């Protein structure tokens, strides 16, 4: 009988640990939401569309500068 109580106590501790780990994992996974566009964007289609737009050099430079700024902001979240 005493052994059953100890087993239930250990099982309860394990269950709580699993629930806590699940919460921690879900929280951690949300940190990657800021970078979702990296793996969700269809890069080939994006490049073809950008090519068709044939932007002026000044527009192209502005797009690159904006992209660099966004990446710097994202990196600041990592650090």
Protein backbone atom coordinates (compact mmCIF):
# COMPACT_ATOMS: atom_id res chain seq x y z
CA UNK A 1 0.00 0.00 0.00
CA UNK A 2 2.79 2.39 0.91
CA UNK A 3 4.47 1.60 -2.39
CA UNK A 4 1.34 2.63 -4.32
CA UNK A 5 1.30 6.01 -2.57
CA UNK A 6 4.95 6.57 -3.44
CA UNK A 7 4.30 5.55 -7.04
CA UNK A 8 1.37 7.98 -7.29
CA UNK A 9 3.49 10.75 -5.79
CA UNK A 10 6.27 10.14 -8.32
CA UNK A 11 3.76 9.96 -11.18
CA UNK A 12 2.24 13.27 -10.09
CA UNK A 13 5.69 14.91 -10.06
CA UNK A 14 6.45 13.52 -13.53
CA UNK A 15 3.08 14.73 -14.87
CA UNK A 16 3.70 18.22 -13.51
CA UNK A 17 7.18 18.27 -15.03
CA UNK A 18 5.77 17.25 -18.41
CA UNK A 19 3.14 20.01 -18.24
CA UNK A 20 5.77 22.58 -17.28
CA UNK A 21 8.04 21.46 -20.13
CA UNK A 22 5.16 21.69 -22.58
CA UNK A 23 4.48 25.28 -21.52
CA UNK A 24 8.17 26.15 -21.76
CA UNK A 25 8.44 24.58 -25.21
CA UNK A 26 5.38 26.46 -26.49
CA UNK A 27 6.80 29.69 -25.15
CA UNK A 28 10.17 29.02 -26.79
CA UNK A 29 8.57 28.19 -30.13
CA UNK A 30 6.80 31.55 -30.21
CA UNK A 31 10.20 33.28 -30.18
CA UNK A 32 10.67 31.99 -33.73
CA UNK A 33 7.50 33.68 -35.01
CA UNK A 34 9.53 36.83 -35.77
CA UNK A 35 11.51 34.82 -38.32
CA UNK A 36 8.62 32.88 -39.85
CA UNK A 37 8.88 34.79 -43.13
CA UNK A 38 12.34 33.31 -43.69
CA UNK A 39 11.02 29.81 -44.18
CA UNK A 40 7.52 30.61 -45.37
CA UNK A 41 8.30 33.00 -48.22
CA UNK A 42 8.52 31.42 -51.65
CA UNK A 43 11.90 32.85 -52.55
CA UNK A 44 11.93 31.93 -56.25
CA UNK A 45 8.52 33.50 -56.83
CA UNK A 46 9.57 36.57 -54.84
CA UNK A 47 12.72 37.02 -56.94
CA UNK A 48 10.83 36.55 -60.24
CA UNK A 49 8.22 39.10 -59.14
CA UNK A 50 10.92 41.56 -58.11
CA UNK A 51 12.64 41.01 -61.45
CA UNK A 52 9.41 41.74 -63.33
CA UNK A 53 8.99 44.98 -61.38
CA UNK A 54 12.40 46.06 -62.66
CA UNK A 55 12.88 48.63 -59.89
CA UNK A 56 15.04 51.69 -60.31
CA UNK A 57 18.44 51.60 -58.68
CA UNK A 58 17.37 54.00 -55.93
CA UNK A 59 14.37 51.81 -55.12
CA UNK A 60 16.55 48.70 -55.15
CA UNK A 61 19.03 50.36 -52.77
CA UNK A 62 16.19 51.43 -50.46
CA UNK A 63 14.83 47.87 -50.39
CA UNK A 64 18.24 46.48 -49.49
CA UNK A 65 18.70 49.10 -46.75
CA UNK A 66 15.27 48.26 -45.32
CA UNK A 67 16.09 44.55 -45.41
CA UNK A 68 19.40 45.15 -43.60
CA UNK A 69 17.64 47.27 -40.97
CA UNK A 70 15.06 44.54 -40.39
CA UNK A 71 17.77 41.91 -39.99
CA UNK A 72 19.66 44.08 -37.52
CA UNK A 73 16.50 44.48 -35.44
CA UNK A 74 15.91 40.72 -35.55
CA UNK A 75 19.50 40.06 -34.47
CA UNK A 76 19.10 42.41 -31.54
CA UNK A 77 16.28 40.13 -30.28
CA UNK A 78 18.63 37.14 -30.43
CA UNK A 79 21.37 38.82 -28.45
